[in-house]
Amino acid sequence: NVTDAAADADRENIQGLLSNAEGGPMFGTLRHEMGKTMNYNLAVFRDQQGMETALSDIREVRERYRSVYVPDKGKTFNTNLLFTIELGFMFDCAESVALSGLERKESRGAHTRTDMPDRDDENWLKHILVKNSVDGPALEHLPVVITDWKPEVRSY
């Protein structure tokens, strides 16, 4: 159930996006910059320095997003607005990837740290959960429940 307060907040957010002044960055430019830092610094092979760079870049681009310019002011089938809203949510995902990658001090699965190439089941056989808090993203660790597939180093 969507509360009236949540719906009002979303309407206010959309109106804010539509009222940003011409001359602000376009969503495509910001999306390209975020994608570039994700591809260069947060792909499968990553390291501490690259992930720190990515986190800084993501936060800088997110700050610029506050003044993003949406040229189409229409209220029907406005793909410019839709893509701009989606980009706002992508920042949450990108920041979660960077923070959880920095938190995990090992290589595991599709997270291969070139500066920490070994797997560490003793300390890192756990899930990292990212939650929203008033201070921003908060990380929690959850235990892994092992069922059919026992942890082991795999080679592909």
N, C-alpha and C. Protein backbone atom coordinates (compact mmCIF):
# COMPACT_ATOMS: atom_id res chain seq x y z
N ASN A 1 0.83 -1.18 0.00
CA ASN A 1 0.00 0.00 0.00
C ASN A 1 0.88 1.25 0.00
N VAL A 2 0.69 2.09 -0.97
CA VAL A 2 1.43 3.34 -1.03
C VAL A 2 0.72 4.36 -0.15
N THR A 3 1.46 4.94 0.76
CA THR A 3 0.85 5.94 1.63
C THR A 3 0.72 7.25 0.89
N ASP A 4 -0.18 8.08 1.37
CA ASP A 4 -0.35 9.41 0.77
C ASP A 4 0.95 10.20 0.87
N ALA A 5 1.66 10.06 1.98
CA ALA A 5 2.91 10.79 2.16
C ALA A 5 3.95 10.36 1.14
N ALA A 6 4.04 9.05 0.87
CA ALA A 6 5.01 8.55 -0.12
C ALA A 6 4.63 9.03 -1.51
N ALA A 7 3.35 8.99 -1.84
CA ALA A 7 2.90 9.46 -3.16
C ALA A 7 3.17 10.95 -3.31
N ASP A 8 2.92 11.72 -2.25
CA ASP A 8 3.19 13.16 -2.29
C ASP A 8 4.68 13.42 -2.47
N ALA A 9 5.52 12.64 -1.80
CA ALA A 9 6.97 12.81 -1.94
C ALA A 9 7.42 12.50 -3.36
N ASP A 10 6.85 11.47 -3.97
CA ASP A 10 7.19 11.14 -5.36
C ASP A 10 6.74 12.24 -6.31
N ARG A 11 5.53 12.75 -6.11
CA ARG A 11 5.06 13.86 -6.96
C ARG A 11 5.97 15.08 -6.83
N GLU A 12 6.38 15.36 -5.60
CA GLU A 12 7.27 16.50 -5.35
C GLU A 12 8.63 16.28 -6.04
N ASN A 13 9.14 15.06 -5.97
CA ASN A 13 10.40 14.74 -6.63
C ASN A 13 10.30 14.92 -8.14
N ILE A 14 9.21 14.43 -8.73
CA ILE A 14 9.01 14.57 -10.17
C ILE A 14 8.89 16.03 -10.55
N GLN A 15 8.13 16.80 -9.77
CA GLN A 15 7.99 18.23 -10.07
C GLN A 15 9.34 18.93 -9.95
N GLY A 16 10.14 18.51 -8.98
CA GLY A 16 11.47 19.09 -8.84
C GLY A 16 12.34 18.82 -10.05
N LEU A 17 12.29 17.59 -10.57
CA LEU A 17 13.06 17.26 -11.77
C LEU A 17 12.60 18.10 -12.96
N LEU A 18 11.29 18.26 -13.10
CA LEU A 18 10.76 19.01 -14.25
C LEU A 18 11.02 20.51 -14.14
N SER A 19 11.24 21.00 -12.93
CA SER A 19 11.44 22.44 -12.76
C SER A 19 12.91 22.85 -12.73
N ASN A 20 13.83 21.89 -12.82
CA ASN A 20 15.25 22.26 -12.87
C ASN A 20 15.52 23.12 -14.10
N ALA A 21 16.39 24.09 -13.93
CA ALA A 21 16.65 25.08 -14.98
C ALA A 21 17.43 24.50 -16.15
N GLU A 22 17.15 25.04 -17.32
CA GLU A 22 17.92 24.69 -18.51
C GLU A 22 19.38 25.06 -18.24
N GLY A 23 20.28 24.27 -18.76
CA GLY A 23 21.70 24.49 -18.52
C GLY A 23 22.29 23.49 -17.54
N GLY A 24 21.42 22.79 -16.82
CA GLY A 24 21.89 21.72 -15.94
C GLY A 24 22.32 20.53 -16.77
N PRO A 25 22.98 19.56 -16.16
CA PRO A 25 23.43 18.40 -16.93
C PRO A 25 22.25 17.57 -17.44
N MET A 26 22.44 16.93 -18.58
CA MET A 26 21.41 16.05 -19.15
C MET A 26 21.60 14.64 -18.56
N PHE A 27 20.50 13.90 -18.44
CA PHE A 27 20.58 12.57 -17.84
C PHE A 27 21.54 11.66 -18.61
N GLY A 28 21.59 11.78 -19.93
CA GLY A 28 22.46 10.91 -20.73
C GLY A 28 23.93 11.11 -20.40
N THR A 29 24.31 12.35 -20.16
CA THR A 29 25.70 12.66 -19.79
C THR A 29 26.03 12.03 -18.44
N LEU A 30 25.13 12.21 -17.48
CA LEU A 30 25.36 11.66 -16.15
C LEU A 30 25.37 10.13 -16.17
N ARG A 31 24.45 9.56 -16.93
CA ARG A 31 24.38 8.09 -17.04
C ARG A 31 25.66 7.54 -17.66
N HIS A 32 26.17 8.22 -18.67
CA HIS A 32 27.41 7.79 -19.32
C HIS A 32 28.58 7.85 -18.33
N GLU A 33 28.67 8.92 -17.56
CA GLU A 33 29.77 9.07 -16.59
C GLU A 33 29.70 7.98 -15.52
N MET A 34 28.49 7.71 -15.03
CA MET A 34 28.36 6.66 -14.02
C MET A 34 28.70 5.30 -14.62
N GLY A 35 28.21 5.02 -15.82
CA GLY A 35 28.50 3.75 -16.47
C GLY A 35 29.99 3.56 -16.70
N LYS A 36 30.66 4.65 -17.06
CA LYS A 36 32.10 4.57 -17.31
C LYS A 36 32.86 4.20 -16.04
N THR A 37 32.54 4.84 -14.92
CA THR A 37 33.25 4.51 -13.69
C THR A 37 32.89 3.11 -13.21
N MET A 38 31.65 2.68 -13.44
CA MET A 38 31.27 1.31 -13.06
C MET A 38 32.06 0.29 -13.89
N ASN A 39 32.15 0.53 -15.19
CA ASN A 39 32.87 -0.41 -16.07
C ASN A 39 34.36 -0.45 -15.77
N TYR A 40 34.96 0.70 -15.51
CA TYR A 40 36.41 0.75 -15.28
C TYR A 40 36.81 0.32 -13.87
N ASN A 41 35.96 0.61 -12.89
CA ASN A 41 36.37 0.43 -11.50
C ASN A 41 35.58 -0.62 -10.71
N LEU A 42 34.43 -1.04 -11.22
CA LEU A 42 33.60 -1.99 -10.46
C LEU A 42 33.16 -3.18 -11.30
N ALA A 43 33.92 -3.51 -12.31
CA ALA A 43 33.62 -4.71 -13.09
C ALA A 43 34.04 -5.93 -12.27
N VAL A 44 34.09 -7.09 -12.86
CA VAL A 44 34.43 -8.31 -12.12
C VAL A 44 35.80 -8.19 -11.46
N PHE A 45 36.79 -7.66 -12.16
CA PHE A 45 38.14 -7.50 -11.61
C PHE A 45 38.26 -6.09 -11.06
N ARG A 46 38.55 -5.98 -9.76
CA ARG A 46 38.57 -4.69 -9.09
C ARG A 46 39.60 -4.68 -7.98
N ASP A 47 39.90 -3.48 -7.50
CA ASP A 47 40.82 -3.34 -6.38
C ASP A 47 40.36 -2.18 -5.50
N GLN A 48 40.99 -2.04 -4.34
CA GLN A 48 40.63 -1.02 -3.36
C GLN A 48 40.61 0.37 -3.98
N GLN A 49 41.69 0.74 -4.65
CA GLN A 49 41.80 2.08 -5.22
C GLN A 49 40.70 2.34 -6.25
N GLY A 50 40.45 1.39 -7.12
CA GLY A 50 39.42 1.56 -8.14
C GLY A 50 38.03 1.68 -7.53
N MET A 51 37.75 0.87 -6.50
CA MET A 51 36.43 0.94 -5.86
C MET A 51 36.25 2.25 -5.11
N GLU A 52 37.33 2.75 -4.48
CA GLU A 52 37.25 4.06 -3.82
C GLU A 52 37.01 5.17 -4.84
N THR A 53 37.69 5.08 -5.99
CA THR A 53 37.48 6.05 -7.07
C THR A 53 36.04 5.99 -7.55
N ALA A 54 35.53 4.78 -7.75
CA ALA A 54 34.15 4.62 -8.22
C ALA A 54 33.17 5.22 -7.23
N LEU A 55 33.34 4.95 -5.94
CA LEU A 55 32.43 5.49 -4.93
C LEU A 55 32.45 7.01 -4.95
N SER A 56 33.63 7.59 -5.03
CA SER A 56 33.75 9.05 -5.11
C SER A 56 33.07 9.59 -6.37
N ASP A 57 33.32 8.95 -7.50
CA ASP A 57 32.71 9.37 -8.77
C ASP A 57 31.19 9.28 -8.71
N ILE A 58 30.68 8.18 -8.19
CA ILE A 58 29.23 7.97 -8.10
C ILE A 58 28.60 9.07 -7.26
N ARG A 59 29.21 9.38 -6.14
CA ARG A 59 28.67 10.42 -5.26
C ARG A 59 28.75 11.80 -5.90
N GLU A 60 29.81 12.05 -6.66
CA GLU A 60 29.94 13.34 -7.34
C GLU A 60 28.89 13.48 -8.44
N VAL A 61 28.69 12.44 -9.22
CA VAL A 61 27.69 12.49 -10.30
C VAL A 61 26.29 12.58 -9.70
N ARG A 62 26.06 11.88 -8.59
CA ARG A 62 24.75 11.96 -7.92
C ARG A 62 24.47 13.38 -7.45
N GLU A 63 25.48 14.05 -6.96
CA GLU A 63 25.31 15.45 -6.53
C GLU A 63 24.92 16.33 -7.72
N ARG A 64 25.55 16.12 -8.86
CA ARG A 64 25.22 16.89 -10.06
C ARG A 64 23.82 16.56 -10.56
N TYR A 65 23.37 15.36 -10.29
CA TYR A 65 22.01 14.93 -10.68
C TYR A 65 20.94 15.83 -10.07
N ARG A 66 21.24 16.43 -8.93
CA ARG A 66 20.26 17.30 -8.26
C ARG A 66 19.81 18.45 -9.16
N SER A 67 20.65 18.83 -10.12
CA SER A 67 20.28 19.92 -11.04
C SER A 67 20.08 19.42 -12.47
N VAL A 68 19.83 18.11 -12.65
CA VAL A 68 19.66 17.53 -13.98
C VAL A 68 18.53 18.25 -14.72
N TYR A 69 18.74 18.47 -16.00
CA TYR A 69 17.74 19.17 -16.82
C TYR A 69 16.95 18.15 -17.64
N VAL A 70 15.63 18.21 -17.51
CA VAL A 70 14.72 17.36 -18.29
C VAL A 70 14.05 18.27 -19.32
N PRO A 71 14.45 18.17 -20.60
CA PRO A 71 13.92 19.10 -21.60
C PRO A 71 12.44 18.91 -21.92
N ASP A 72 11.95 17.69 -21.84
CA ASP A 72 10.54 17.42 -22.14
C ASP A 72 9.75 17.62 -20.85
N LYS A 73 8.85 18.59 -20.85
CA LYS A 73 8.05 18.90 -19.66
C LYS A 73 6.68 18.22 -19.70
N GLY A 74 6.45 17.39 -20.71
CA GLY A 74 5.15 16.72 -20.85
C GLY A 74 4.87 15.74 -19.72
N LYS A 75 3.60 15.50 -19.49
CA LYS A 75 3.18 14.61 -18.40
C LYS A 75 2.74 13.24 -18.93
N THR A 76 2.77 13.06 -20.25
CA THR A 76 2.33 11.80 -20.84
C THR A 76 3.45 11.21 -21.70
N PHE A 77 3.75 9.94 -21.50
CA PHE A 77 4.77 9.24 -22.29
C PHE A 77 6.09 10.01 -22.36
N ASN A 78 6.51 10.55 -21.24
CA ASN A 78 7.73 11.36 -21.18
C ASN A 78 8.92 10.45 -20.88
N THR A 79 9.55 9.94 -21.93
CA THR A 79 10.68 9.02 -21.72
C THR A 79 11.89 9.74 -21.13
N ASN A 80 12.07 11.03 -21.43
CA ASN A 80 13.17 11.78 -20.81
C ASN A 80 13.02 11.76 -19.29
N LEU A 81 11.82 12.01 -18.83
CA LEU A 81 11.56 12.01 -17.39
C LEU A 81 11.73 10.61 -16.81
N LEU A 82 11.21 9.61 -17.49
CA LEU A 82 11.33 8.23 -17.02
C LEU A 82 12.79 7.82 -16.88
N PHE A 83 13.61 8.10 -17.89
CA PHE A 83 15.03 7.73 -17.84
C PHE A 83 15.75 8.50 -16.73
N THR A 84 15.34 9.74 -16.50
CA THR A 84 15.95 10.54 -15.45
C THR A 84 15.62 9.98 -14.08
N ILE A 85 14.37 9.58 -13.88
CA ILE A 85 13.97 8.97 -12.60
C ILE A 85 14.73 7.66 -12.40
N GLU A 86 14.81 6.84 -13.44
CA GLU A 86 15.54 5.56 -13.34
C GLU A 86 17.00 5.79 -12.97
N LEU A 87 17.61 6.83 -13.54
CA LEU A 87 19.00 7.14 -13.22
C LEU A 87 19.15 7.42 -11.72
N GLY A 88 18.19 8.13 -11.15
CA GLY A 88 18.24 8.40 -9.71
C GLY A 88 18.30 7.11 -8.90
N PHE A 89 17.52 6.11 -9.31
CA PHE A 89 17.54 4.82 -8.60
C PHE A 89 18.84 4.06 -8.87
N MET A 90 19.42 4.25 -10.05
CA MET A 90 20.68 3.57 -10.38
C MET A 90 21.80 4.00 -9.44
N PHE A 91 21.75 5.24 -8.95
CA PHE A 91 22.78 5.69 -8.01
C PHE A 91 22.74 4.84 -6.74
N ASP A 92 21.53 4.51 -6.27
CA ASP A 92 21.42 3.66 -5.08
C ASP A 92 22.10 2.31 -5.32
N CYS A 93 21.82 1.72 -6.47
CA CYS A 93 22.42 0.42 -6.81
C CYS A 93 23.93 0.52 -6.95
N ALA A 94 24.41 1.54 -7.66
CA ALA A 94 25.84 1.70 -7.89
C ALA A 94 26.59 1.91 -6.57
N GLU A 95 26.03 2.74 -5.70
CA GLU A 95 26.68 2.99 -4.42
C GLU A 95 26.70 1.71 -3.57
N SER A 96 25.64 0.92 -3.64
CA SER A 96 25.60 -0.36 -2.91
C SER A 96 26.67 -1.32 -3.39
N VAL A 97 26.87 -1.38 -4.70
CA VAL A 97 27.91 -2.25 -5.27
C VAL A 97 29.29 -1.80 -4.79
N ALA A 98 29.54 -0.49 -4.83
CA ALA A 98 30.84 0.03 -4.41
C ALA A 98 31.09 -0.21 -2.92
N LEU A 99 30.11 0.11 -2.10
CA LEU A 99 30.29 -0.05 -0.65
C LEU A 99 30.46 -1.51 -0.25
N SER A 100 29.65 -2.39 -0.81
CA SER A 100 29.78 -3.80 -0.45
C SER A 100 31.07 -4.40 -1.00
N GLY A 101 31.52 -3.93 -2.16
CA GLY A 101 32.79 -4.39 -2.70
C GLY A 101 33.96 -3.96 -1.83
N LEU A 102 33.91 -2.73 -1.33
CA LEU A 102 34.96 -2.25 -0.43
C LEU A 102 34.93 -3.00 0.90
N GLU A 103 33.76 -3.37 1.34
CA GLU A 103 33.61 -4.08 2.61
C GLU A 103 34.21 -5.49 2.56
N ARG A 104 34.03 -6.17 1.44
CA ARG A 104 34.45 -7.58 1.32
C ARG A 104 35.95 -7.65 1.05
N LYS A 105 36.70 -8.19 2.00
CA LYS A 105 38.17 -8.24 1.93
C LYS A 105 38.64 -9.59 1.41
N GLU A 106 38.17 -9.98 0.25
CA GLU A 106 38.51 -11.26 -0.37
C GLU A 106 38.00 -11.24 -1.81
N SER A 107 38.27 -12.32 -2.52
CA SER A 107 37.67 -12.55 -3.84
C SER A 107 36.65 -13.67 -3.69
N ARG A 108 35.49 -13.50 -4.33
CA ARG A 108 34.43 -14.51 -4.24
C ARG A 108 33.49 -14.31 -5.41
N GLY A 109 33.24 -15.38 -6.17
CA GLY A 109 32.27 -15.32 -7.27
C GLY A 109 32.65 -14.26 -8.29
N ALA A 110 31.71 -13.39 -8.59
CA ALA A 110 31.93 -12.34 -9.59
C ALA A 110 32.58 -11.11 -8.98
N HIS A 111 33.11 -11.23 -7.78
CA HIS A 111 33.83 -10.15 -7.10
C HIS A 111 35.28 -10.62 -6.96
N THR A 112 36.10 -10.25 -7.93
CA THR A 112 37.49 -10.68 -7.93
C THR A 112 38.37 -9.48 -7.64
N ARG A 113 38.93 -9.45 -6.45
CA ARG A 113 39.82 -8.36 -6.06
C ARG A 113 41.23 -8.73 -6.46
N THR A 114 41.81 -7.92 -7.33
CA THR A 114 43.19 -8.20 -7.75
C THR A 114 44.17 -7.95 -6.61
N ASP A 115 43.77 -7.14 -5.62
CA ASP A 115 44.62 -6.88 -4.46
C ASP A 115 44.38 -7.88 -3.33
N MET A 116 43.35 -8.70 -3.43
CA MET A 116 43.06 -9.75 -2.45
C MET A 116 42.49 -10.95 -3.21
N PRO A 117 43.36 -11.68 -3.91
CA PRO A 117 42.87 -12.70 -4.84
C PRO A 117 42.32 -13.98 -4.20
N ASP A 118 42.57 -14.19 -2.92
CA ASP A 118 42.16 -15.45 -2.30
C ASP A 118 40.78 -15.34 -1.66
N ARG A 119 40.11 -16.46 -1.62
CA ARG A 119 38.83 -16.59 -0.95
C ARG A 119 39.09 -16.83 0.53
N ASP A 120 38.23 -16.30 1.40
CA ASP A 120 38.43 -16.41 2.84
C ASP A 120 37.11 -16.81 3.50
N ASP A 121 36.80 -18.11 3.46
CA ASP A 121 35.55 -18.59 4.03
C ASP A 121 35.46 -18.36 5.54
N GLU A 122 36.60 -18.41 6.21
CA GLU A 122 36.59 -18.25 7.67
C GLU A 122 36.03 -16.89 8.08
N ASN A 123 36.41 -15.84 7.38
CA ASN A 123 35.97 -14.49 7.73
C ASN A 123 34.87 -13.93 6.84
N TRP A 124 34.72 -14.45 5.64
CA TRP A 124 33.82 -13.81 4.68
C TRP A 124 32.77 -14.72 4.06
N LEU A 125 32.49 -15.86 4.66
CA LEU A 125 31.38 -16.68 4.19
C LEU A 125 30.12 -16.08 4.81
N LYS A 126 29.67 -14.97 4.24
CA LYS A 126 28.52 -14.22 4.73
C LYS A 126 27.97 -13.36 3.61
N HIS A 127 26.72 -12.98 3.76
CA HIS A 127 26.09 -12.05 2.83
C HIS A 127 26.31 -10.63 3.35
N ILE A 128 26.40 -9.69 2.44
CA ILE A 128 26.43 -8.28 2.81
C ILE A 128 25.11 -7.68 2.35
N LEU A 129 24.37 -7.13 3.29
CA LEU A 129 23.08 -6.51 3.01
C LEU A 129 23.24 -5.00 3.12
N VAL A 130 22.74 -4.26 2.15
CA VAL A 130 22.79 -2.80 2.18
C VAL A 130 21.38 -2.30 2.46
N LYS A 131 21.25 -1.50 3.51
CA LYS A 131 19.95 -0.93 3.89
C LYS A 131 20.03 0.58 3.88
N ASN A 132 18.90 1.20 3.64
CA ASN A 132 18.80 2.65 3.72
C ASN A 132 18.71 3.06 5.19
N SER A 133 19.40 4.10 5.55
CA SER A 133 19.27 4.67 6.89
C SER A 133 19.26 6.19 6.76
N VAL A 134 18.97 6.87 7.84
CA VAL A 134 18.94 8.34 7.79
C VAL A 134 20.31 8.91 7.45
N ASP A 135 21.36 8.16 7.75
CA ASP A 135 22.73 8.61 7.46
C ASP A 135 23.25 8.10 6.12
N GLY A 136 22.39 7.47 5.32
CA GLY A 136 22.82 6.91 4.04
C GLY A 136 22.85 5.40 4.12
N PRO A 137 23.48 4.76 3.15
CA PRO A 137 23.50 3.30 3.13
C PRO A 137 24.22 2.73 4.35
N ALA A 138 23.63 1.68 4.92
CA ALA A 138 24.22 0.99 6.07
C ALA A 138 24.42 -0.48 5.69
N LEU A 139 25.58 -1.02 6.02
CA LEU A 139 25.91 -2.40 5.68
C LEU A 139 25.67 -3.31 6.87
N GLU A 140 25.09 -4.48 6.59
CA GLU A 140 24.91 -5.52 7.60
C GLU A 140 25.44 -6.82 7.04
N HIS A 141 25.87 -7.70 7.91
CA HIS A 141 26.33 -9.03 7.50
C HIS A 141 25.29 -10.05 7.95
N LEU A 142 24.98 -10.97 7.06
CA LEU A 142 24.04 -12.05 7.37
C LEU A 142 24.73 -13.38 7.13
N PRO A 143 24.44 -14.39 7.95
CA PRO A 143 25.07 -15.70 7.76
C PRO A 143 24.58 -16.37 6.49
N VAL A 144 25.43 -17.20 5.93
CA VAL A 144 25.07 -18.02 4.78
C VAL A 144 24.53 -19.35 5.30
N VAL A 145 23.38 -19.75 4.81
CA VAL A 145 22.82 -21.05 5.15
C VAL A 145 23.24 -22.03 4.06
N ILE A 146 24.04 -23.00 4.42
CA ILE A 146 24.56 -23.96 3.45
C ILE A 146 23.60 -25.13 3.36
N THR A 147 23.17 -25.41 2.14
CA THR A 147 22.24 -26.53 1.92
C THR A 147 22.93 -27.59 1.07
N ASP A 148 22.65 -27.65 -0.20
CA ASP A 148 23.16 -28.71 -1.07
C ASP A 148 24.62 -28.52 -1.50
N TRP A 149 25.04 -27.31 -1.72
CA TRP A 149 26.36 -27.06 -2.30
C TRP A 149 27.30 -26.51 -1.25
N LYS A 150 28.25 -27.33 -0.85
CA LYS A 150 29.24 -26.92 0.15
C LYS A 150 30.22 -25.93 -0.47
N PRO A 151 30.70 -24.97 0.31
CA PRO A 151 31.67 -24.00 -0.21
C PRO A 151 32.97 -24.69 -0.61
N GLU A 152 33.45 -24.36 -1.77
CA GLU A 152 34.74 -24.86 -2.23
C GLU A 152 35.22 -23.95 -3.36
N VAL A 153 36.52 -23.93 -3.52
CA VAL A 153 37.09 -23.16 -4.62
C VAL A 153 36.72 -23.86 -5.91
N ARG A 154 36.19 -23.10 -6.84
CA ARG A 154 35.79 -23.67 -8.12
C ARG A 154 36.63 -23.08 -9.24
N SER A 155 36.86 -23.86 -10.23
CA SER A 155 37.63 -23.42 -11.39
C SER A 155 36.75 -23.59 -12.62
N TYR A 156 36.66 -22.55 -13.43
CA TYR A 156 35.78 -22.61 -14.61
C TYR A 156 36.58 -22.55 -15.88
